[in-house]
C-alpha atoms as a PDB file:
ATOM      1  CA  MET A   1     -99.456   8.593  67.528  1.00  0.00           C
ATOM      2  CA  SER A   2    -103.077   9.366  66.706  1.00  0.00           C
ATOM      3  CA  PHE A   3    -105.775   6.740  67.034  1.00  0.00           C
ATOM      4  CA  LEU A   4    -106.174   6.383  63.266  1.00  0.00           C
ATOM      5  CA  ASP A   5    -102.415   6.051  62.784  1.00  0.00           C
ATOM      6  CA  LYS A   6    -102.328   3.324  65.412  1.00  0.00           C
ATOM      7  CA  LEU A   7    -105.313   1.619  63.800  1.00  0.00           C
ATOM      8  CA  SER A   8    -103.739   1.790  60.343  1.00  0.00           C
ATOM      9  CA  GLU A   9    -100.495   0.278  61.597  1.00  0.00           C
ATOM     10  CA  CYS A  10    -102.327  -2.598  63.284  1.00  0.00           C
ATOM     11  CA  VAL A  11    -104.452  -3.224  60.173  1.00  0.00           C
ATOM     12  CA  GLN A  12    -101.255  -3.558  58.141  1.00  0.00           C
ATOM     13  CA  ARG A  13     -99.357  -5.547  60.749  1.00  0.00           C
ATOM     14  CA  ASN A  14    -102.097  -8.155  61.234  1.00  0.00           C
ATOM     15  CA  ASN A  15    -103.659  -7.868  57.750  1.00  0.00           C
ATOM     16  CA  SER A  16    -106.992  -7.495  59.472  1.00  0.00           C
ATOM     17  CA  LEU A  17    -110.122  -5.340  59.686  1.00  0.00           C
ATOM     18  CA  LEU A  18    -111.473  -7.559  62.466  1.00  0.00           C
ATOM     19  CA  CYS A  19    -112.280  -6.129  65.884  1.00  0.00           C
ATOM     20  CA  ILE A  20    -113.241  -8.524  68.666  1.00  0.00           C
ATOM     21  CA  GLY A  21    -115.799  -7.232  71.109  1.00  0.00           C
ATOM     22  CA  LEU A  22    -114.834  -8.290  74.618  1.00  0.00           C
ATOM     23  CA  ASP A  23    -118.389  -8.550  75.943  1.00  0.00           C
ATOM     24  CA  PRO A  24    -118.136 -11.212  78.642  1.00  0.00           C
ATOM     25  CA  ASP A  25    -121.248 -12.960  79.927  1.00  0.00           C
ATOM     26  CA  PRO A  26    -120.221 -15.005  82.996  1.00  0.00           C
ATOM     27  CA  ASP A  27    -122.978 -17.531  82.281  1.00  0.00           C
ATOM     28  CA  CYS A  28    -121.509 -18.214  78.825  1.00  0.00           C
ATOM     29  CA  LEU A  29    -117.893 -18.741  79.856  1.00  0.00           C
ATOM     30  CA  PRO A  30    -116.368 -22.091  78.848  1.00  0.00           C
ATOM     31  CA  GLU A  31    -115.837 -24.854  81.364  1.00  0.00           C
ATOM     32  CA  GLY A  32    -112.863 -24.197  83.595  1.00  0.00           C
ATOM     33  CA  TYR A  33    -113.622 -20.505  84.127  1.00  0.00           C
ATOM     34  CA  SER A  34    -115.440 -19.347  87.245  1.00  0.00           C
ATOM     35  CA  ARG A  35    -118.755 -17.599  86.619  1.00  0.00           C
ATOM     36  CA  ASP A  36    -117.635 -14.305  88.137  1.00  0.00           C
ATOM     37  CA  ALA A  37    -115.395 -11.319  87.505  1.00  0.00           C
ATOM     38  CA  GLN A  38    -112.237 -13.336  88.103  1.00  0.00           C
ATOM     39  CA  GLY A  39    -113.338 -15.838  85.486  1.00  0.00           C
ATOM     40  CA  VAL A  40    -114.118 -13.010  83.088  1.00  0.00           C
ATOM     41  CA  ALA A  41    -110.657 -11.493  83.532  1.00  0.00           C
ATOM     42  CA  ALA A  42    -108.987 -14.872  83.007  1.00  0.00           C
ATOM     43  CA  PHE A  43    -111.086 -15.639  79.923  1.00  0.00           C
ATOM     44  CA  ASN A  44    -110.430 -12.223  78.390  1.00  0.00           C
ATOM     45  CA  ARG A  45    -106.705 -12.612  78.945  1.00  0.00           C
ATOM     46  CA  ALA A  46    -106.786 -15.983  77.207  1.00  0.00           C
ATOM     47  CA  VAL A  47    -108.816 -14.569  74.302  1.00  0.00           C
ATOM     48  CA  VAL A  48    -106.349 -11.711  73.833  1.00  0.00           C
ATOM     49  CA  GLU A  49    -103.385 -14.087  73.964  1.00  0.00           C
ATOM     50  CA  ALA A  50    -105.065 -16.365  71.399  1.00  0.00           C
ATOM     51  CA  THR A  51    -106.123 -13.660  68.920  1.00  0.00           C
ATOM     52  CA  ASN A  52    -103.972 -10.515  69.178  1.00  0.00           C
ATOM     53  CA  ASP A  53    -102.228 -11.334  65.878  1.00  0.00           C
ATOM     54  CA  LEU A  54    -105.595 -11.584  64.100  1.00  0.00           C
ATOM     55  CA  VAL A  55    -107.264  -8.292  65.018  1.00  0.00           C
ATOM     56  CA  CYS A  56    -107.072  -4.581  64.289  1.00  0.00           C
ATOM     57  CA  ALA A  57    -108.687  -3.634  67.625  1.00  0.00           C
ATOM     58  CA  TYR A  58    -110.452  -4.847  70.754  1.00  0.00           C
ATOM     59  CA  LYS A  59    -113.757  -3.350  71.913  1.00  0.00           C
ATOM     60  CA  PRO A  60    -114.794  -3.988  75.513  1.00  0.00           C
ATOM     61  CA  ASN A  61    -118.437  -3.067  76.136  1.00  0.00           C
ATOM     62  CA  LEU A  62    -118.403  -1.327  79.503  1.00  0.00           C
ATOM     63  CA  ALA A  63    -121.913  -2.480  80.452  1.00  0.00           C
ATOM     64  CA  PHE A  64    -120.781  -6.074  80.939  1.00  0.00           C
ATOM     65  CA  TYR A  65    -118.124  -4.974  83.420  1.00  0.00           C
ATOM     66  CA  GLU A  66    -120.252  -2.403  85.240  1.00  0.00           C
ATOM     67  CA  ALA A  67    -122.898  -5.096  85.753  1.00  0.00           C
ATOM     68  CA  MET A  68    -120.439  -6.956  88.013  1.00  0.00           C
ATOM     69  CA  GLY A  69    -119.771  -3.933  90.233  1.00  0.00           C
ATOM     70  CA  SER A  70    -116.319  -3.031  91.476  1.00  0.00           C
ATOM     71  CA  ALA A  71    -115.011  -6.540  90.750  1.00  0.00           C
ATOM     72  CA  GLY A  72    -116.107  -6.116  87.150  1.00  0.00           C
ATOM     73  CA  LEU A  73    -114.265  -2.825  86.830  1.00  0.00           C
ATOM     74  CA  HIS A  74    -111.161  -4.541  88.151  1.00  0.00           C
ATOM     75  CA  ALA A  75    -111.685  -7.222  85.481  1.00  0.00           C
ATOM     76  CA  LEU A  76    -111.828  -4.462  82.863  1.00  0.00           C
ATOM     77  CA  GLU A  77    -108.597  -2.985  84.201  1.00  0.00           C
ATOM     78  CA  GLU A  78    -106.916  -6.387  84.043  1.00  0.00           C
ATOM     79  CA  THR A  79    -108.239  -6.961  80.530  1.00  0.00           C
ATOM     80  CA  LEU A  80    -106.842  -3.663  79.260  1.00  0.00           C
ATOM     81  CA  SER A  81    -103.472  -4.387  80.849  1.00  0.00           C
ATOM     82  CA  HIS A  82    -103.127  -7.562  78.761  1.00  0.00           C
ATOM     83  CA  ILE A  83    -103.932  -5.988  75.390  1.00  0.00           C
ATOM     84  CA  PRO A  84    -100.640  -5.389  73.535  1.00  0.00           C
ATOM     85  CA  ALA A  85     -99.706  -1.720  73.238  1.00  0.00           C
ATOM     86  CA  HIS A  86     -99.830  -1.786  69.432  1.00  0.00           C
ATOM     87  CA  VAL A  87    -103.465  -2.964  69.325  1.00  0.00           C
ATOM     88  CA  PRO A  88    -106.023  -0.114  69.530  1.00  0.00           C
ATOM     89  CA  THR A  89    -108.815  -0.208  72.079  1.00  0.00           C
ATOM     90  CA  ILE A  90    -112.404   0.992  71.740  1.00  0.00           C
ATOM     91  CA  ALA A  91    -114.491   1.767  74.823  1.00  0.00           C
ATOM     92  CA  ASP A  92    -117.986   0.748  73.784  1.00  0.00           C
ATOM     93  CA  ALA A  93    -119.625   3.134  76.237  1.00  0.00           C
ATOM     94  CA  LYS A  94    -122.136   5.066  74.086  1.00  0.00           C
ATOM     95  CA  ARG A  95    -121.710   8.068  76.359  1.00  0.00           C
ATOM     96  CA  GLY A  96    -123.776  11.200  75.874  1.00  0.00           C
ATOM     97  CA  ASP A  97    -124.630  13.902  78.378  1.00  0.00           C
ATOM     98  CA  VAL A  98    -124.533  17.631  79.072  1.00  0.00           C
ATOM     99  CA  PRO A  99    -121.041  19.059  78.551  1.00  0.00           C
ATOM    100  CA  HIS A 100    -119.774  19.148  82.142  1.00  0.00           C
ATOM    101  CA  THR A 101    -120.827  15.512  82.615  1.00  0.00           C
ATOM    102  CA  ALA A 102    -119.450  14.536  79.217  1.00  0.00           C
ATOM    103  CA  ARG A 103    -116.066  15.920  80.292  1.00  0.00           C
ATOM    104  CA  ALA A 104    -116.111  13.528  83.245  1.00  0.00           C
ATOM    105  CA  TYR A 105    -116.970  10.656  80.914  1.00  0.00           C
ATOM    106  CA  ALA A 106    -114.079  11.671  78.642  1.00  0.00           C
ATOM    107  CA  ARG A 107    -111.675  11.719  81.588  1.00  0.00           C
ATOM    108  CA  ALA A 108    -112.904   8.281  82.638  1.00  0.00           C
ATOM    109  CA  VAL A 109    -112.417   6.544  79.288  1.00  0.00           C
ATOM    110  CA  PHE A 110    -109.266   8.335  78.145  1.00  0.00           C
ATOM    111  CA  ASP A 111    -107.383   9.272  81.323  1.00  0.00           C
ATOM    112  CA  THR A 112    -108.511   6.742  83.934  1.00  0.00           C
ATOM    113  CA  TRP A 113    -108.967   3.674  81.733  1.00  0.00           C
ATOM    114  CA  GLY A 114    -106.555   4.665  78.971  1.00  0.00           C
ATOM    115  CA  PHE A 115    -108.726   3.732  75.997  1.00  0.00           C
ATOM    116  CA  ASP A 116    -107.658   4.883  72.549  1.00  0.00           C
ATOM    117  CA  SER A 117    -111.206   5.588  71.385  1.00  0.00           C
ATOM    118  CA  VAL A 118    -114.820   5.642  72.557  1.00  0.00           C
ATOM    119  CA  THR A 119    -118.357   5.383  71.202  1.00  0.00           C
ATOM    120  CA  VAL A 120    -120.575   8.403  71.928  1.00  0.00           C
ATOM    121  CA  ASN A 121    -124.289   9.139  71.624  1.00  0.00           C
ATOM    122  CA  PRO A 122    -125.137  12.316  69.645  1.00  0.00           C
ATOM    123  CA  TYR A 123    -128.726  12.756  70.741  1.00  0.00           C
ATOM    124  CA  LEU A 124    -128.017  15.515  73.269  1.00  0.00           C
ATOM    125  CA  GLY A 125    -126.555  17.579  70.448  1.00  0.00           C
ATOM    126  CA  ALA A 126    -123.179  18.820  69.335  1.00  0.00           C
ATOM    127  CA  ASP A 127    -122.107  20.296  72.679  1.00  0.00           C
ATOM    128  CA  SER A 128    -122.414  16.864  74.338  1.00  0.00           C
ATOM    129  CA  MET A 129    -119.762  15.502  71.946  1.00  0.00           C
ATOM    130  CA  GLU A 130    -117.313  18.391  72.151  1.00  0.00           C
ATOM    131  CA  PRO A 131    -115.547  17.190  75.351  1.00  0.00           C
ATOM    132  CA  PHE A 132    -114.598  14.005  73.471  1.00  0.00           C
ATOM    133  CA  LEU A 133    -113.755  15.665  70.156  1.00  0.00           C
ATOM    134  CA  GLU A 134    -111.386  18.136  71.820  1.00  0.00           C
ATOM    135  CA  ARG A 135    -109.091  15.262  72.868  1.00  0.00           C
ATOM    136  CA  ASP A 136    -106.080  15.506  70.593  1.00  0.00           C
ATOM    137  CA  GLY A 137    -105.421  12.284  68.663  1.00  0.00           C
ATOM    138  CA  LYS A 138    -108.060  10.158  70.394  1.00  0.00           C
ATOM    139  CA  GLY A 139    -110.763   8.314  68.473  1.00  0.00           C
ATOM    140  CA  VAL A 140    -114.444   9.203  68.747  1.00  0.00           C
ATOM    141  CA  TRP A 141    -117.078   6.950  67.156  1.00  0.00           C
ATOM    142  CA  VAL A 142    -120.469   8.690  66.953  1.00  0.00           C
ATOM    143  CA  LEU A 143    -123.590   6.508  66.822  1.00  0.00           C
ATOM    144  CA  CYS A 144    -125.148   7.072  63.409  1.00  0.00           C
ATOM    145  CA  ARG A 145    -127.124   4.052  62.128  1.00  0.00           C
ATOM    146  CA  THR A 146    -126.914   1.259  64.663  1.00  0.00           C
ATOM    147  CA  SER A 147    -127.415  -2.469  64.138  1.00  0.00           C
ATOM    148  CA  ASN A 148    -130.275  -3.215  66.555  1.00  0.00           C
ATOM    149  CA  PRO A 149    -133.752  -4.044  65.160  1.00  0.00           C
ATOM    150  CA  GLY A 150    -135.404  -0.976  66.689  1.00  0.00           C
ATOM    151  CA  ALA A 151    -132.911   1.521  65.259  1.00  0.00           C
ATOM    152  CA  ALA A 152    -134.998   2.491  62.231  1.00  0.00           C
ATOM    153  CA  GLY A 153    -137.886   3.635  64.447  1.00  0.00           C
ATOM    154  CA  LEU A 154    -135.828   6.666  65.461  1.00  0.00           C
ATOM    155  CA  GLN A 155    -132.748   6.893  63.276  1.00  0.00           C
ATOM    156  CA  SER A 156    -134.643   6.732  59.971  1.00  0.00           C
ATOM    157  CA  LEU A 157    -137.227   9.397  60.834  1.00  0.00           C
ATOM    158  CA  PRO A 158    -137.467  11.969  58.016  1.00  0.00           C
ATOM    159  CA  THR A 159    -135.819  15.320  58.711  1.00  0.00           C
ATOM    160  CA  GLY A 160    -134.950  18.528  56.880  1.00  0.00           C
ATOM    161  CA  GLU A 161    -137.059  21.265  55.327  1.00  0.00           C
ATOM    162  CA  ARG A 162    -138.564  18.822  52.832  1.00  0.00           C
ATOM    163  CA  CYS A 163    -138.512  15.863  55.210  1.00  0.00           C
ATOM    164  CA  ASP A 164    -136.447  13.935  52.694  1.00  0.00           C
ATOM    165  CA  GLU A 165    -133.375  13.054  54.741  1.00  0.00           C
ATOM    166  CA  PRO A 166    -133.294  10.385  57.462  1.00  0.00           C
ATOM    167  CA  LEU A 167    -132.180  11.443  60.911  1.00  0.00           C
ATOM    168  CA  TYR A 168    -129.009   9.330  60.763  1.00  0.00           C
ATOM    169  CA  ALA A 169    -127.930  11.267  57.647  1.00  0.00           C
ATOM    170  CA  HIS A 170    -128.443  14.523  59.531  1.00  0.00           C
ATOM    171  CA  VAL A 171    -126.298  13.140  62.358  1.00  0.00           C
ATOM    172  CA  LEU A 172    -123.593  12.260  59.851  1.00  0.00           C
ATOM    173  CA  ARG A 173    -123.610  15.779  58.395  1.00  0.00           C
ATOM    174  CA  MET A 174    -123.417  17.239  61.895  1.00  0.00           C
ATOM    175  CA  VAL A 175    -120.385  15.085  62.728  1.00  0.00           C
ATOM    176  CA  GLN A 176    -118.692  15.990  59.447  1.00  0.00           C
ATOM    177  CA  ALA A 177    -119.141  19.712  60.159  1.00  0.00           C
ATOM    178  CA  MET A 178    -117.901  19.669  63.758  1.00  0.00           C
ATOM    179  CA  PRO A 179    -114.338  20.852  64.432  1.00  0.00           C
ATOM    180  CA  SER A 180    -112.274  18.193  66.117  1.00  0.00           C
ATOM    181  CA  ARG A 181    -108.809  17.545  67.487  1.00  0.00           C
ATOM    182  CA  ALA A 182    -109.798  13.893  67.821  1.00  0.00           C
ATOM    183  CA  ASN A 183    -110.138  11.392  64.981  1.00  0.00           C
ATOM    184  CA  LYS A 184    -113.848  11.286  64.073  1.00  0.00           C
ATOM    185  CA  GLY A 185    -115.730   8.215  62.888  1.00  0.00           C
ATOM    186  CA  VAL A 186    -119.288   6.912  62.980  1.00  0.00           C
ATOM    187  CA  VAL A 187    -120.985   3.668  63.986  1.00  0.00           C
ATOM    188  CA  ALA A 188    -122.892   2.140  61.078  1.00  0.00           C
ATOM    189  CA  GLY A 189    -124.439  -1.279  61.520  1.00  0.00           C
ATOM    190  CA  ALA A 190    -123.919  -4.181  59.143  1.00  0.00           C
ATOM    191  CA  THR A 191    -127.568  -5.245  59.466  1.00  0.00           C
ATOM    192  CA  SER A 192    -128.763  -2.484  57.125  1.00  0.00           C
ATOM    193  CA  SER A 193    -126.621  -2.597  53.994  1.00  0.00           C
ATOM    194  CA  GLU A 194    -128.654   0.058  52.148  1.00  0.00           C
ATOM    195  CA  GLU A 195    -128.129   2.615  54.893  1.00  0.00           C
ATOM    196  CA  LEU A 196    -124.484   1.607  55.227  1.00  0.00           C
ATOM    197  CA  GLY A 197    -124.018   2.268  51.521  1.00  0.00           C
ATOM    198  CA  LEU A 198    -125.684   5.680  51.800  1.00  0.00           C
ATOM    199  CA  ILE A 199    -123.421   6.623  54.708  1.00  0.00           C
ATOM    200  CA  ARG A 200    -120.369   5.621  52.694  1.00  0.00           C
ATOM    201  CA  ASP A 201    -121.604   7.598  49.680  1.00  0.00           C
ATOM    202  CA  MET A 202    -122.116  10.674  51.850  1.00  0.00           C
ATOM    203  CA  ALA A 203    -118.779  10.338  53.601  1.00  0.00           C
ATOM    204  CA  PRO A 204    -116.333   8.332  51.443  1.00  0.00           C
ATOM    205  CA  ALA A 205    -113.358   8.801  53.774  1.00  0.00           C
ATOM    206  CA  MET A 206    -115.147   8.710  57.135  1.00  0.00           C
ATOM    207  CA  PRO A 207    -113.891   5.892  59.400  1.00  0.00           C
ATOM    208  CA  LEU A 208    -116.672   3.402  60.112  1.00  0.00           C
ATOM    209  CA  LEU A 209    -117.104   1.129  63.114  1.00  0.00           C
ATOM    210  CA  VAL A 210    -119.417  -1.632  61.927  1.00  0.00           C
ATOM    211  CA  PRO A 211    -121.158  -3.939  64.417  1.00  0.00           C
ATOM    212  CA  GLY A 212    -123.719  -6.560  63.502  1.00  0.00           C
ATOM    213  CA  ILE A 213    -121.586  -9.223  61.814  1.00  0.00           C
ATOM    214  CA  GLY A 214    -122.041 -12.668  63.310  1.00  0.00           C
ATOM    215  CA  ALA A 215    -124.850 -13.187  65.795  1.00  0.00           C
ATOM    216  CA  GLN A 216    -126.857 -10.260  64.369  1.00  0.00           C
ATOM    217  CA  GLY A 217    -126.571 -11.552  60.802  1.00  0.00           C
ATOM    218  CA  GLY A 218    -125.104  -8.515  59.029  1.00  0.00           C
ATOM    219  CA  GLU A 219    -124.087  -8.681  55.366  1.00  0.00           C
ATOM    220  CA  LEU A 220    -120.300  -9.012  55.255  1.00  0.00           C
ATOM    221  CA  ALA A 221    -119.854  -8.226  51.549  1.00  0.00           C
ATOM    222  CA  ALA A 222    -121.527  -4.809  51.892  1.00  0.00           C
ATOM    223  CA  VAL A 223    -119.341  -3.986  54.867  1.00  0.00           C
ATOM    224  CA  VAL A 224    -116.113  -4.884  53.104  1.00  0.00           C
ATOM    225  CA  ALA A 225    -117.207  -2.872  50.057  1.00  0.00           C
ATOM    226  CA  ALA A 226    -117.436   0.166  52.340  1.00  0.00           C
ATOM    227  CA  ALA A 227    -113.766  -0.340  53.215  1.00  0.00           C
ATOM    228  CA  SER A 228    -112.676   0.484  49.689  1.00  0.00           C
ATOM    229  CA  THR A 229    -112.579   4.245  50.294  1.00  0.00           C
ATOM    230  CA  GLY A 230    -111.936   4.675  54.003  1.00  0.00           C
ATOM    231  CA  ALA A 231    -111.082   2.945  57.253  1.00  0.00           C
ATOM    232  CA  VAL A 232    -113.536   0.273  58.404  1.00  0.00           C
ATOM    233  CA  VAL A 233    -113.432  -1.662  61.666  1.00  0.00           C
ATOM    234  CA  ILE A 234    -115.615  -4.783  61.564  1.00  0.00           C
ATOM    235  CA  ASN A 235    -116.693  -5.905  65.008  1.00  0.00           C
ATOM    236  CA  SER A 236    -117.787  -9.352  66.091  1.00  0.00           C
ATOM    237  CA  SER A 237    -118.362 -10.347  69.701  1.00  0.00           C
ATOM    238  CA  ARG A 238    -120.604 -13.268  70.643  1.00  0.00           C
ATOM    239  CA  SER A 239    -120.030 -15.317  67.510  1.00  0.00           C
ATOM    240  CA  ILE A 240    -116.289 -15.380  68.228  1.00  0.00           C
ATOM    241  CA  LEU A 241    -116.256 -15.600  72.016  1.00  0.00           C
ATOM    242  CA  TYR A 242    -118.811 -18.352  72.437  1.00  0.00           C
ATOM    243  CA  GLY A 243    -119.509 -21.627  70.687  1.00  0.00           C
ATOM    244  CA  PRO A 244    -120.373 -25.277  71.305  1.00  0.00           C
ATOM    245  CA  PRO A 245    -118.648 -26.896  74.283  1.00  0.00           C
ATOM    246  CA  THR A 246    -115.184 -28.180  73.439  1.00  0.00           C
ATOM    247  CA  ALA A 247    -112.131 -29.478  75.228  1.00  0.00           C
ATOM    248  CA  ALA A 248    -110.080 -26.625  73.736  1.00  0.00           C
ATOM    249  CA  PRO A 249    -112.275 -23.490  73.927  1.00  0.00           C
ATOM    250  CA  LEU A 250    -109.499 -21.000  73.215  1.00  0.00           C
ATOM    251  CA  THR A 251    -108.398 -22.934  70.143  1.00  0.00           C
ATOM    252  CA  ALA A 252    -112.009 -22.693  68.986  1.00  0.00           C
ATOM    253  CA  VAL A 253    -112.058 -18.945  69.667  1.00  0.00           C
ATOM    254  CA  ARG A 254    -108.938 -18.508  67.562  1.00  0.00           C
ATOM    255  CA  HIS A 255    -110.371 -20.627  64.751  1.00  0.00           C
ATOM    256  CA  ARG A 256    -113.579 -18.565  64.681  1.00  0.00           C
ATOM    257  CA  ALA A 257    -111.607 -15.310  64.634  1.00  0.00           C
ATOM    258  CA  GLU A 258    -109.252 -16.606  61.968  1.00  0.00           C
ATOM    259  CA  ASP A 259    -112.145 -17.819  59.842  1.00  0.00           C
ATOM    260  CA  LEU A 260    -113.867 -14.421  59.937  1.00  0.00           C
ATOM    261  CA  ARG A 261    -110.639 -12.576  59.173  1.00  0.00           C
ATOM    262  CA  THR A 262    -110.073 -14.907  56.218  1.00  0.00           C
ATOM    263  CA  ARG A 263    -113.584 -14.314  54.862  1.00  0.00           C
ATOM    264  CA  ILE A 264    -113.099 -10.553  55.197  1.00  0.00           C
ATOM    265  CA  ASN A 265    -109.741 -10.673  53.427  1.00  0.00           C
ATOM    266  CA  GLU A 266    -111.095 -12.820  50.618  1.00  0.00           C
ATOM    267  CA  LEU A 267    -113.679 -10.114  49.953  1.00  0.00           C
ATOM    268  CA  ARG A 268    -111.021  -7.396  50.216  1.00  0.00           C
ATOM    269  CA  GLY A 269    -108.928  -9.017  47.495  1.00  0.00           C
ATOM    270  CA  PRO A 270    -105.131  -9.232  47.233  1.00  0.00           C
ATOM    271  CA  ARG A 271    -103.218  -7.491  49.985  1.00  0.00           C
ATOM    272  CA  LYS A 272    -101.709  -4.142  49.052  1.00  0.00           C
ATOM    273  CA  ASP A 273     -98.698  -3.493  51.224  1.00  0.00           C
ATOM    274  CA  PRO A 274     -97.460   0.114  51.491  1.00  0.00           C
END
């Protein structure tokens, strides 16, 4: 099964476009969890158990695990082992390097860790993405217009013969033109609804991975509107994982996830079963 087929099945099964980013900060873990890699693994397992019927994917950000050294990588391995087989996984790795190094990165995320998809950085050019795109049936999310405040300083620079096209649009065209055995998509942040709309206009059927909802304050209605023509995965991390202290932190996590899924589905309109 290809990544997009698996994603589509999970979207239908759970009636959800919600992806939860598993970005564990040991200092933010609820009471009862140790502030170390073991606590992270236990918390992630509990989050997955509490929410796997509410999501279309999980997205661990590798930086949070690498920061804890070998124990953190073991926590990542444990986390992946507890994600149900029908729920797609996204390695938020933002990898990008010369081709022979990119091949090693591709082996790491797909063969060693077993992720279904990965985020990649296009700024070394097309050949840096080819080792990922040649992976039959895997998912590759190319950074296009990201959600961080400083993104516009680079990604919106004018390009082209007449300097009338932003750099992120050039990246999108490059991704569209590249041959691929993998399922291609782009990362487009929710914090810039105008750019998100332009990306959707340029690529109506391109799968979009959309961060920036929740703690970053992205506009949910614009994101859901982009889902009307193609696959959209709406990620939320901190605003679901962490909240005010409570005697039942995992119940609170589930409620926050369920609330966001409900708000997304209200904007989507009546469910259309196949």
